């Protein structure tokens, strides 16, 4: 399958300057990205809105995050890979928190931080530990191209490719196009991980991915999880929750960045 590429589009952003004289927007334009993601990010927080009115007596509130709640209840029944913590040995450490899709900009900011330190201070990449945490709305960004095509993830998160004017059918942050200029050629998840970047994902949010497979293919819950795990990007490490991952990274010495 041909991949369509890019890291997001336009919108309002917090933090991070450009890492080269060429503006960040030129980079985004080069990758062929849309401007629709910001409109669908409900909040930078994974917290549920508080109800504004009382429900009729005896009526339960809507189960907006049923998959996440089920995942929370099963945390004690699973084993978790925390080996990534032992890799946080560099002098410079930061965790980039991505609760929203945020145009895929959490990845850009993590890579940009490494390049900025190298440019300004001469800091070697080996002296930096960037950690990305994908949680809540951003969980599709750690799923493979098959998931994006099967469940129309591009349309769901409103990510449209400006080159084709169509919704992405492949994960737009996984790999940059072959013709990307050299200064941007490593701004993707594959290069980030190859350079030692750590990518963590929220198991509670992943529960909704499990539900996608369960509902579409009429699978039992355990079988749906097994199938969903096949489509989690290689090297991505599930954690009990995104909040758990962010706080554990901070306890290990990472500075915190709200990145989407």
C-alpha atoms as a PDB file:
ATOM      1  CA  UNK A   1       0.000   0.000   0.000  1.00  0.00           C
ATOM      2  CA  UNK A   2       1.266   3.501  -0.826  1.00  0.00           C
ATOM      3  CA  UNK A   3       1.686   5.682   2.232  1.00  0.00           C
ATOM      4  CA  UNK A   4       0.415   9.233   2.490  1.00  0.00           C
ATOM      5  CA  UNK A   5       2.616  11.303   4.742  1.00  0.00           C
ATOM      6  CA  UNK A   6       2.744  14.343   6.951  1.00  0.00           C
ATOM      7  CA  UNK A   7       2.661  15.685  10.485  1.00  0.00           C
ATOM      8  CA  UNK A   8      -0.522  17.698  10.901  1.00  0.00           C
ATOM      9  CA  UNK A   9      -1.574  21.059   9.591  1.00  0.00           C
ATOM     10  CA  UNK A  10      -2.311  24.484  11.025  1.00  0.00           C
ATOM     11  CA  UNK A  11      -3.739  25.692  14.303  1.00  0.00           C
ATOM     12  CA  UNK A  12      -2.759  27.273  17.585  1.00  0.00           C
ATOM     13  CA  UNK A  13       0.303  25.849  19.303  1.00  0.00           C
ATOM     14  CA  UNK A  14       2.128  26.255  22.583  1.00  0.00           C
ATOM     15  CA  UNK A  15       5.870  26.133  23.059  1.00  0.00           C
ATOM     16  CA  UNK A  16       8.814  25.344  20.804  1.00  0.00           C
ATOM     17  CA  UNK A  17      10.581  27.551  18.271  1.00  0.00           C
ATOM     18  CA  UNK A  18      11.910  26.569  14.887  1.00  0.00           C
ATOM     19  CA  UNK A  19      15.029  24.418  14.759  1.00  0.00           C
ATOM     20  CA  UNK A  20      16.330  25.835  11.481  1.00  0.00           C
ATOM     21  CA  UNK A  21      15.921  29.192   9.712  1.00  0.00           C
ATOM     22  CA  UNK A  22      13.212  27.607   7.577  1.00  0.00           C
ATOM     23  CA  UNK A  23       9.850  28.198   9.351  1.00  0.00           C
ATOM     24  CA  UNK A  24       8.084  25.283  10.963  1.00  0.00           C
ATOM     25  CA  UNK A  25       5.070  25.911   8.758  1.00  0.00           C
ATOM     26  CA  UNK A  26       7.200  25.323   5.674  1.00  0.00           C
ATOM     27  CA  UNK A  27       8.071  21.918   7.067  1.00  0.00           C
ATOM     28  CA  UNK A  28       4.426  21.114   7.670  1.00  0.00           C
ATOM     29  CA  UNK A  29       3.545  22.304   4.205  1.00  0.00           C
ATOM     30  CA  UNK A  30       6.264  20.173   2.687  1.00  0.00           C
ATOM     31  CA  UNK A  31       4.850  17.059   4.284  1.00  0.00           C
ATOM     32  CA  UNK A  32       1.455  17.840   2.788  1.00  0.00           C
ATOM     33  CA  UNK A  33      -0.749  18.381   5.796  1.00  0.00           C
ATOM     34  CA  UNK A  34      -4.202  19.662   6.599  1.00  0.00           C
ATOM     35  CA  UNK A  35      -5.569  22.257   8.998  1.00  0.00           C
ATOM     36  CA  UNK A  36      -8.425  20.374  10.568  1.00  0.00           C
ATOM     37  CA  UNK A  37      -7.062  18.552  13.594  1.00  0.00           C
ATOM     38  CA  UNK A  38      -7.220  21.322  16.176  1.00  0.00           C
ATOM     39  CA  UNK A  39     -10.974  21.564  15.821  1.00  0.00           C
ATOM     40  CA  UNK A  40     -11.520  18.024  17.053  1.00  0.00           C
ATOM     41  CA  UNK A  41      -9.240  18.053  20.076  1.00  0.00           C
ATOM     42  CA  UNK A  42     -11.764  18.472  22.873  1.00  0.00           C
ATOM     43  CA  UNK A  43      -9.235  19.351  25.532  1.00  0.00           C
ATOM     44  CA  UNK A  44      -5.572  19.139  26.499  1.00  0.00           C
ATOM     45  CA  UNK A  45      -6.736  17.234  29.560  1.00  0.00           C
ATOM     46  CA  UNK A  46      -7.913  13.640  29.783  1.00  0.00           C
ATOM     47  CA  UNK A  47     -10.355  14.643  32.504  1.00  0.00           C
ATOM     48  CA  UNK A  48     -14.063  14.203  31.801  1.00  0.00           C
ATOM     49  CA  UNK A  49     -16.205  17.356  31.816  1.00  0.00           C
ATOM     50  CA  UNK A  50     -18.326  17.716  34.914  1.00  0.00           C
ATOM     51  CA  UNK A  51     -22.067  17.395  34.285  1.00  0.00           C
ATOM     52  CA  UNK A  52     -23.870  20.712  33.998  1.00  0.00           C
ATOM     53  CA  UNK A  53     -27.320  19.418  34.919  1.00  0.00           C
ATOM     54  CA  UNK A  54     -28.780  16.650  37.038  1.00  0.00           C
ATOM     55  CA  UNK A  55     -29.937  13.471  35.373  1.00  0.00           C
ATOM     56  CA  UNK A  56     -33.411  12.089  36.076  1.00  0.00           C
ATOM     57  CA  UNK A  57     -33.505  10.194  39.349  1.00  0.00           C
ATOM     58  CA  UNK A  58     -32.236   6.658  38.973  1.00  0.00           C
ATOM     59  CA  UNK A  59     -30.671   7.246  35.556  1.00  0.00           C
ATOM     60  CA  UNK A  60     -26.968   6.459  35.189  1.00  0.00           C
ATOM     61  CA  UNK A  61     -24.645   8.953  33.462  1.00  0.00           C
ATOM     62  CA  UNK A  62     -23.614   8.024  29.896  1.00  0.00           C
ATOM     63  CA  UNK A  63     -20.644   5.684  29.750  1.00  0.00           C
ATOM     64  CA  UNK A  64     -18.428   7.956  27.650  1.00  0.00           C
ATOM     65  CA  UNK A  65     -15.203   6.114  28.386  1.00  0.00           C
ATOM     66  CA  UNK A  66     -16.360   2.578  29.057  1.00  0.00           C
ATOM     67  CA  UNK A  67     -13.285   1.000  27.480  1.00  0.00           C
ATOM     68  CA  UNK A  68     -10.952   3.129  29.567  1.00  0.00           C
ATOM     69  CA  UNK A  69     -12.784   2.289  32.771  1.00  0.00           C
ATOM     70  CA  UNK A  70     -12.626  -1.420  31.978  1.00  0.00           C
ATOM     71  CA  UNK A  71      -8.889  -1.085  31.355  1.00  0.00           C
ATOM     72  CA  UNK A  72      -8.429   0.694  34.677  1.00  0.00           C
ATOM     73  CA  UNK A  73     -10.177  -2.130  36.480  1.00  0.00           C
ATOM     74  CA  UNK A  74      -7.851  -4.712  34.914  1.00  0.00           C
ATOM     75  CA  UNK A  75      -4.544  -2.957  35.637  1.00  0.00           C
ATOM     76  CA  UNK A  76      -3.694  -5.248  38.542  1.00  0.00           C
ATOM     77  CA  UNK A  77      -4.164  -8.319  36.345  1.00  0.00           C
ATOM     78  CA  UNK A  78      -1.434  -7.399  33.866  1.00  0.00           C
ATOM     79  CA  UNK A  79       2.332  -7.138  33.836  1.00  0.00           C
ATOM     80  CA  UNK A  80       3.869  -3.892  32.630  1.00  0.00           C
ATOM     81  CA  UNK A  81       7.159  -3.231  30.876  1.00  0.00           C
ATOM     82  CA  UNK A  82       9.000  -0.551  32.843  1.00  0.00           C
ATOM     83  CA  UNK A  83      12.421  -1.297  31.402  1.00  0.00           C
ATOM     84  CA  UNK A  84      12.338   2.091  29.631  1.00  0.00           C
ATOM     85  CA  UNK A  85      12.928   3.813  32.966  1.00  0.00           C
ATOM     86  CA  UNK A  86      16.387   2.250  33.190  1.00  0.00           C
ATOM     87  CA  UNK A  87      17.288   3.900  29.871  1.00  0.00           C
ATOM     88  CA  UNK A  88      16.791   7.401  31.264  1.00  0.00           C
ATOM     89  CA  UNK A  89      20.460   7.938  32.013  1.00  0.00           C
ATOM     90  CA  UNK A  90      21.270  10.966  29.845  1.00  0.00           C
ATOM     91  CA  UNK A  91      22.028  14.377  31.403  1.00  0.00           C
ATOM     92  CA  UNK A  92      19.020  15.911  29.624  1.00  0.00           C
ATOM     93  CA  UNK A  93      15.619  14.239  29.977  1.00  0.00           C
ATOM     94  CA  UNK A  94      12.116  15.396  29.067  1.00  0.00           C
ATOM     95  CA  UNK A  95       8.694  13.798  28.748  1.00  0.00           C
ATOM     96  CA  UNK A  96       6.431  15.146  26.012  1.00  0.00           C
ATOM     97  CA  UNK A  97       2.805  14.630  26.978  1.00  0.00           C
ATOM     98  CA  UNK A  98       0.341  14.193  24.101  1.00  0.00           C
ATOM     99  CA  UNK A  99      -3.257  13.891  25.344  1.00  0.00           C
ATOM    100  CA  UNK A 100      -4.574  15.386  22.100  1.00  0.00           C
ATOM    101  CA  UNK A 101      -3.879  14.607  18.464  1.00  0.00           C
ATOM    102  CA  UNK A 102      -2.476  18.129  18.236  1.00  0.00           C
ATOM    103  CA  UNK A 103      -1.556  17.727  14.563  1.00  0.00           C
ATOM    104  CA  UNK A 104       1.096  15.195  15.563  1.00  0.00           C
ATOM    105  CA  UNK A 105       3.168  18.071  16.914  1.00  0.00           C
ATOM    106  CA  UNK A 106       4.296  16.297  20.090  1.00  0.00           C
ATOM    107  CA  UNK A 107       6.714  14.275  17.966  1.00  0.00           C
ATOM    108  CA  UNK A 108       7.936  17.373  16.166  1.00  0.00           C
ATOM    109  CA  UNK A 109       8.571  19.149  19.468  1.00  0.00           C
ATOM    110  CA  UNK A 110      10.475  16.220  20.946  1.00  0.00           C
ATOM    111  CA  UNK A 111      12.762  15.947  17.925  1.00  0.00           C
ATOM    112  CA  UNK A 112      13.052  19.726  17.712  1.00  0.00           C
ATOM    113  CA  UNK A 113      14.225  19.906  21.331  1.00  0.00           C
ATOM    114  CA  UNK A 114      17.075  17.515  20.575  1.00  0.00           C
ATOM    115  CA  UNK A 115      18.111  19.454  17.491  1.00  0.00           C
ATOM    116  CA  UNK A 116      17.918  22.810  19.255  1.00  0.00           C
ATOM    117  CA  UNK A 117      20.168  21.644  22.088  1.00  0.00           C
ATOM    118  CA  UNK A 118      22.642  20.300  19.572  1.00  0.00           C
ATOM    119  CA  UNK A 119      22.625  23.530  17.605  1.00  0.00           C
ATOM    120  CA  UNK A 120      22.821  25.900  20.589  1.00  0.00           C
ATOM    121  CA  UNK A 121      24.926  23.902  23.056  1.00  0.00           C
ATOM    122  CA  UNK A 122      26.525  21.233  20.885  1.00  0.00           C
ATOM    123  CA  UNK A 123      24.753  18.566  22.928  1.00  0.00           C
ATOM    124  CA  UNK A 124      25.110  15.091  21.454  1.00  0.00           C
ATOM    125  CA  UNK A 125      21.944  13.143  20.770  1.00  0.00           C
ATOM    126  CA  UNK A 126      23.213  10.431  23.095  1.00  0.00           C
ATOM    127  CA  UNK A 127      23.115  12.958  25.940  1.00  0.00           C
ATOM    128  CA  UNK A 128      19.369  13.455  25.566  1.00  0.00           C
ATOM    129  CA  UNK A 129      16.415  11.286  26.571  1.00  0.00           C
ATOM    130  CA  UNK A 130      13.146  12.381  24.948  1.00  0.00           C
ATOM    131  CA  UNK A 131      10.053  10.424  26.034  1.00  0.00           C
ATOM    132  CA  UNK A 132       6.767  10.649  24.145  1.00  0.00           C
ATOM    133  CA  UNK A 133       3.527   9.708  25.885  1.00  0.00           C
ATOM    134  CA  UNK A 134       0.470   9.187  23.687  1.00  0.00           C
ATOM    135  CA  UNK A 135      -2.763   9.078  25.641  1.00  0.00           C
ATOM    136  CA  UNK A 136      -6.459   9.927  25.470  1.00  0.00           C
ATOM    137  CA  UNK A 137      -7.329  11.387  22.026  1.00  0.00           C
ATOM    138  CA  UNK A 138      -3.907  10.715  20.463  1.00  0.00           C
ATOM    139  CA  UNK A 139      -3.886   6.907  20.653  1.00  0.00           C
ATOM    140  CA  UNK A 140      -4.466   6.473  16.860  1.00  0.00           C
ATOM    141  CA  UNK A 141      -0.989   7.982  16.332  1.00  0.00           C
ATOM    142  CA  UNK A 142       0.635   4.806  17.697  1.00  0.00           C
ATOM    143  CA  UNK A 143      -1.402   2.479  15.475  1.00  0.00           C
ATOM    144  CA  UNK A 144      -0.234   1.078  12.142  1.00  0.00           C
ATOM    145  CA  UNK A 145      -1.376   1.841   8.615  1.00  0.00           C
ATOM    146  CA  UNK A 146      -3.775  -1.097   8.597  1.00  0.00           C
ATOM    147  CA  UNK A 147      -5.644   0.349  11.558  1.00  0.00           C
ATOM    148  CA  UNK A 148      -5.801   3.766   9.927  1.00  0.00           C
ATOM    149  CA  UNK A 149      -7.234   2.287   6.744  1.00  0.00           C
ATOM    150  CA  UNK A 150      -9.625  -0.159   8.393  1.00  0.00           C
ATOM    151  CA  UNK A 151     -11.175   2.318  10.809  1.00  0.00           C
ATOM    152  CA  UNK A 152     -10.852   5.493   8.720  1.00  0.00           C
ATOM    153  CA  UNK A 153      -8.730   7.044  11.430  1.00  0.00           C
ATOM    154  CA  UNK A 154      -7.785  10.020   9.280  1.00  0.00           C
ATOM    155  CA  UNK A 155     -11.406  11.063   9.026  1.00  0.00           C
ATOM    156  CA  UNK A 156     -12.038  10.312  12.692  1.00  0.00           C
ATOM    157  CA  UNK A 157      -9.286  12.673  13.849  1.00  0.00           C
ATOM    158  CA  UNK A 158      -9.837  15.083  10.935  1.00  0.00           C
ATOM    159  CA  UNK A 159      -6.356  14.718   9.431  1.00  0.00           C
ATOM    160  CA  UNK A 160      -6.422  15.485   5.716  1.00  0.00           C
ATOM    161  CA  UNK A 161      -3.477  15.375   3.305  1.00  0.00           C
ATOM    162  CA  UNK A 162      -3.150  18.682   1.455  1.00  0.00           C
ATOM    163  CA  UNK A 163      -1.409  16.955  -1.456  1.00  0.00           C
ATOM    164  CA  UNK A 164      -4.289  14.589  -2.139  1.00  0.00           C
ATOM    165  CA  UNK A 165      -7.094  16.576  -0.440  1.00  0.00           C
ATOM    166  CA  UNK A 166      -8.218  13.285   1.113  1.00  0.00           C
ATOM    167  CA  UNK A 167      -8.294  11.915   4.648  1.00  0.00           C
ATOM    168  CA  UNK A 168      -5.158  10.077   5.645  1.00  0.00           C
ATOM    169  CA  UNK A 169      -5.438   6.319   5.260  1.00  0.00           C
ATOM    170  CA  UNK A 170      -1.996   5.715   6.763  1.00  0.00           C
ATOM    171  CA  UNK A 171      -0.388   6.951   9.966  1.00  0.00           C
ATOM    172  CA  UNK A 172       0.960  10.397   9.016  1.00  0.00           C
ATOM    173  CA  UNK A 173       3.722  10.577  11.636  1.00  0.00           C
ATOM    174  CA  UNK A 174       5.189   7.123  11.082  1.00  0.00           C
ATOM    175  CA  UNK A 175       7.480   7.953   8.147  1.00  0.00           C
ATOM    176  CA  UNK A 176       8.241  11.052   6.082  1.00  0.00           C
ATOM    177  CA  UNK A 177       8.031  10.941   2.266  1.00  0.00           C
ATOM    178  CA  UNK A 178      11.143   9.776   0.383  1.00  0.00           C
ATOM    179  CA  UNK A 179      11.587  13.221  -1.197  1.00  0.00           C
ATOM    180  CA  UNK A 180      11.658  15.113   2.108  1.00  0.00           C
ATOM    181  CA  UNK A 181      14.548  17.638   2.282  1.00  0.00           C
ATOM    182  CA  UNK A 182      17.502  16.456   4.402  1.00  0.00           C
ATOM    183  CA  UNK A 183      16.840  18.896   7.245  1.00  0.00           C
ATOM    184  CA  UNK A 184      13.421  17.304   7.829  1.00  0.00           C
ATOM    185  CA  UNK A 185      14.161  13.734   6.813  1.00  0.00           C
ATOM    186  CA  UNK A 186      14.264  12.373  10.378  1.00  0.00           C
ATOM    187  CA  UNK A 187      11.088  14.023  11.663  1.00  0.00           C
ATOM    188  CA  UNK A 188       9.077  10.827  12.047  1.00  0.00           C
ATOM    189  CA  UNK A 189       8.481   8.105  14.609  1.00  0.00           C
ATOM    190  CA  UNK A 190      10.749   5.603  12.909  1.00  0.00           C
ATOM    191  CA  UNK A 191      13.775   7.893  13.128  1.00  0.00           C
ATOM    192  CA  UNK A 192      12.805   9.056  16.621  1.00  0.00           C
ATOM    193  CA  UNK A 193      12.859   5.494  17.915  1.00  0.00           C
ATOM    194  CA  UNK A 194      16.002   4.589  15.961  1.00  0.00           C
ATOM    195  CA  UNK A 195      17.756   7.506  17.675  1.00  0.00           C
ATOM    196  CA  UNK A 196      16.796   6.161  21.089  1.00  0.00           C
ATOM    197  CA  UNK A 197      13.547   8.030  21.671  1.00  0.00           C
ATOM    198  CA  UNK A 198      11.073   6.297  23.973  1.00  0.00           C
ATOM    199  CA  UNK A 199       7.409   6.010  22.930  1.00  0.00           C
ATOM    200  CA  UNK A 200       4.814   5.109  25.545  1.00  0.00           C
ATOM    201  CA  UNK A 201       1.065   4.655  25.123  1.00  0.00           C
ATOM    202  CA  UNK A 202      -1.895   4.702  27.482  1.00  0.00           C
ATOM    203  CA  UNK A 203      -3.487   1.303  28.004  1.00  0.00           C
ATOM    204  CA  UNK A 204      -6.734   2.958  29.045  1.00  0.00           C
ATOM    205  CA  UNK A 205      -6.992   4.785  25.719  1.00  0.00           C
ATOM    206  CA  UNK A 206      -5.847   1.636  23.913  1.00  0.00           C
ATOM    207  CA  UNK A 207      -8.956  -0.063  25.310  1.00  0.00           C
ATOM    208  CA  UNK A 208     -10.980   1.968  22.824  1.00  0.00           C
ATOM    209  CA  UNK A 209      -8.858   0.537  20.010  1.00  0.00           C
ATOM    210  CA  UNK A 210      -9.663  -2.924  21.365  1.00  0.00           C
ATOM    211  CA  UNK A 211     -13.338  -1.984  21.230  1.00  0.00           C
ATOM    212  CA  UNK A 212     -12.935  -0.970  17.585  1.00  0.00           C
ATOM    213  CA  UNK A 213     -11.776  -4.478  16.703  1.00  0.00           C
ATOM    214  CA  UNK A 214     -14.306  -6.117  18.990  1.00  0.00           C
ATOM    215  CA  UNK A 215     -17.224  -4.305  17.410  1.00  0.00           C
ATOM    216  CA  UNK A 216     -16.128  -4.464  13.786  1.00  0.00           C
ATOM    217  CA  UNK A 217     -15.121  -8.122  13.715  1.00  0.00           C
ATOM    218  CA  UNK A 218     -17.527  -9.412  16.399  1.00  0.00           C
ATOM    219  CA  UNK A 219     -14.697 -10.744  18.551  1.00  0.00           C
ATOM    220  CA  UNK A 220     -14.598 -11.685  22.193  1.00  0.00           C
ATOM    221  CA  UNK A 221     -12.776  -9.104  24.268  1.00  0.00           C
ATOM    222  CA  UNK A 222      -9.540 -11.102  24.783  1.00  0.00           C
ATOM    223  CA  UNK A 223      -9.372 -11.935  21.071  1.00  0.00           C
ATOM    224  CA  UNK A 224     -10.009  -8.321  20.154  1.00  0.00           C
ATOM    225  CA  UNK A 225      -7.130  -7.196  22.368  1.00  0.00           C
ATOM    226  CA  UNK A 226      -4.827  -9.769  20.785  1.00  0.00           C
ATOM    227  CA  UNK A 227      -5.773  -8.459  17.353  1.00  0.00           C
ATOM    228  CA  UNK A 228      -5.384  -4.819  18.380  1.00  0.00           C
ATOM    229  CA  UNK A 229      -1.908  -5.487  19.758  1.00  0.00           C
ATOM    230  CA  UNK A 230      -0.858  -6.765  16.331  1.00  0.00           C
ATOM    231  CA  UNK A 231      -1.463  -3.267  14.996  1.00  0.00           C
ATOM    232  CA  UNK A 232       0.299  -1.304  17.722  1.00  0.00           C
ATOM    233  CA  UNK A 233       3.421   0.207  16.178  1.00  0.00           C
ATOM    234  CA  UNK A 234       6.649  -1.730  16.889  1.00  0.00           C
ATOM    235  CA  UNK A 235       8.577  -0.423  19.859  1.00  0.00           C
ATOM    236  CA  UNK A 236       5.615   1.372  21.449  1.00  0.00           C
ATOM    237  CA  UNK A 237       5.317   0.367  25.105  1.00  0.00           C
ATOM    238  CA  UNK A 238       1.892   0.222  26.710  1.00  0.00           C
ATOM    239  CA  UNK A 239       1.646   1.600  30.246  1.00  0.00           C
ATOM    240  CA  UNK A 240      -1.211   1.266  32.759  1.00  0.00           C
ATOM    241  CA  UNK A 241      -2.258   4.781  31.817  1.00  0.00           C
ATOM    242  CA  UNK A 242      -0.807   7.854  30.183  1.00  0.00           C
ATOM    243  CA  UNK A 243      -0.875   9.670  33.518  1.00  0.00           C
ATOM    244  CA  UNK A 244       1.111   6.809  35.046  1.00  0.00           C
ATOM    245  CA  UNK A 245       3.689   7.055  32.267  1.00  0.00           C
ATOM    246  CA  UNK A 246       4.053  10.829  32.529  1.00  0.00           C
ATOM    247  CA  UNK A 247       4.462  10.781  36.301  1.00  0.00           C
ATOM    248  CA  UNK A 248       6.879   7.828  36.251  1.00  0.00           C
ATOM    249  CA  UNK A 249       9.029   9.664  33.698  1.00  0.00           C
ATOM    250  CA  UNK A 250       9.052  12.742  35.913  1.00  0.00           C
ATOM    251  CA  UNK A 251      10.018  10.673  38.930  1.00  0.00           C
ATOM    252  CA  UNK A 252      12.934   9.361  36.850  1.00  0.00           C
ATOM    253  CA  UNK A 253      14.157  12.910  36.273  1.00  0.00           C
ATOM    254  CA  UNK A 254      12.321  14.042  33.135  1.00  0.00           C
ATOM    255  CA  UNK A 255      11.162  17.611  32.805  1.00  0.00           C
ATOM    256  CA  UNK A 256       7.524  17.875  31.741  1.00  0.00           C
ATOM    257  CA  UNK A 257       6.303  19.345  28.439  1.00  0.00           C
ATOM    258  CA  UNK A 258       2.639  19.659  27.475  1.00  0.00           C
ATOM    259  CA  UNK A 259       3.213  18.900  23.804  1.00  0.00           C
ATOM    260  CA  UNK A 260      -0.267  18.728  22.253  1.00  0.00           C
END
